[in-house]
Each structure stands twice: as structure tokens, then as C-alpha cells.
Protein backbone atom coordinates (compact mmCIF):
# COMPACT_ATOMS: atom_id res chain seq x y z
CA MET A 1 30.94 -29.60 -87.55
CA SER A 2 31.51 -26.77 -89.69
CA VAL A 3 32.31 -23.07 -89.26
CA ALA A 4 28.97 -22.05 -90.19
CA THR A 5 27.75 -24.30 -87.85
CA THR A 6 29.91 -24.11 -84.64
CA TRP A 7 28.86 -20.04 -85.38
CA ASP A 8 25.43 -20.74 -85.62
CA ARG A 9 25.72 -22.91 -82.47
CA ASN A 10 27.58 -20.06 -80.51
CA ARG A 11 25.38 -17.10 -81.70
CA ILE A 12 22.72 -19.39 -80.43
CA LEU A 13 23.23 -20.13 -77.55
CA PHE A 14 24.30 -16.19 -76.42
CA ASP A 15 20.94 -15.07 -77.41
CA LEU A 16 19.82 -17.81 -75.09
CA ILE A 17 22.07 -16.46 -72.73
CA LEU A 18 20.74 -13.40 -72.48
CA ASP A 19 17.35 -14.46 -72.76
CA ILE A 20 18.03 -15.92 -69.52
CA SER A 21 19.50 -13.03 -68.45
CA LEU A 22 16.30 -11.30 -68.72
CA LEU A 23 13.92 -13.66 -68.16
CA PHE A 24 15.43 -13.51 -64.18
CA GLN A 25 15.78 -9.32 -64.48
CA GLY A 26 12.10 -9.51 -65.20
CA ILE A 27 11.32 -12.03 -62.17
CA ILE A 28 12.43 -9.62 -59.74
CA ILE A 29 11.13 -6.95 -61.21
CA TRP A 30 7.74 -8.31 -61.32
CA ARG A 31 8.04 -9.74 -57.67
CA GLU A 32 8.44 -6.26 -56.59
CA THR A 33 5.66 -4.87 -58.85
CA LYS A 34 3.32 -8.40 -59.04
CA SER A 35 2.19 -6.40 -62.40
CA PRO A 36 0.08 -7.73 -65.01
CA MET A 37 1.95 -7.37 -67.78
CA ILE A 38 5.52 -7.33 -66.57
CA ARG A 39 3.84 -11.61 -66.34
CA LYS A 40 2.73 -11.69 -70.00
CA ARG A 41 6.32 -10.50 -71.11
CA LEU A 42 7.81 -13.32 -68.43
CA ILE A 43 5.68 -15.33 -70.64
CA ILE A 44 6.53 -14.48 -73.70
CA PHE A 45 10.33 -14.65 -72.95
CA GLU A 46 9.85 -18.43 -71.63
CA GLU A 47 8.43 -19.91 -74.62
CA LEU A 48 11.62 -18.65 -76.62
CA ILE A 49 13.95 -20.07 -74.28
CA LYS A 50 12.07 -23.21 -74.52
CA GLU A 51 11.84 -22.46 -78.61
CA LYS A 52 15.93 -21.56 -78.67
CA LEU A 53 16.45 -24.99 -76.36
CA GLU A 54 14.51 -26.77 -78.80
CA ASN A 55 16.91 -25.41 -81.96
CA LEU A 56 20.06 -26.87 -79.46
CA GLY A 57 19.09 -29.89 -79.88
């Protein structure tokens, strides 16, 4: 595995951790407000996380 590949993988993992953190924060806010706009954003984050997990494959 080359250095660039390792760096790319680590960057994707770091981004994934941040996305999951934002997803959890959004869930907490959504549970308190039940806002439809926040729910839409949570769905977008969920799709983004799924895509990043597939890229790690």
C-alpha cells in the first residue's frame, strides 16, 4: 500500500468520523424539535456516510 493510498484512506476515515458525529448531533436536535428540515439533512448525512463506507470497501 502506497503512502498516498494510506493518506487517502485515513482522510476518508477522519471525514467519516466527523460525519457520524454530525449525524448524532443532528439526531439529538431532531428528537427535541421534530423539525422536517433537520430530518431531511439527517437523510442526506446518512446517504453521505453510506457512500463513504462503500468507498472504503
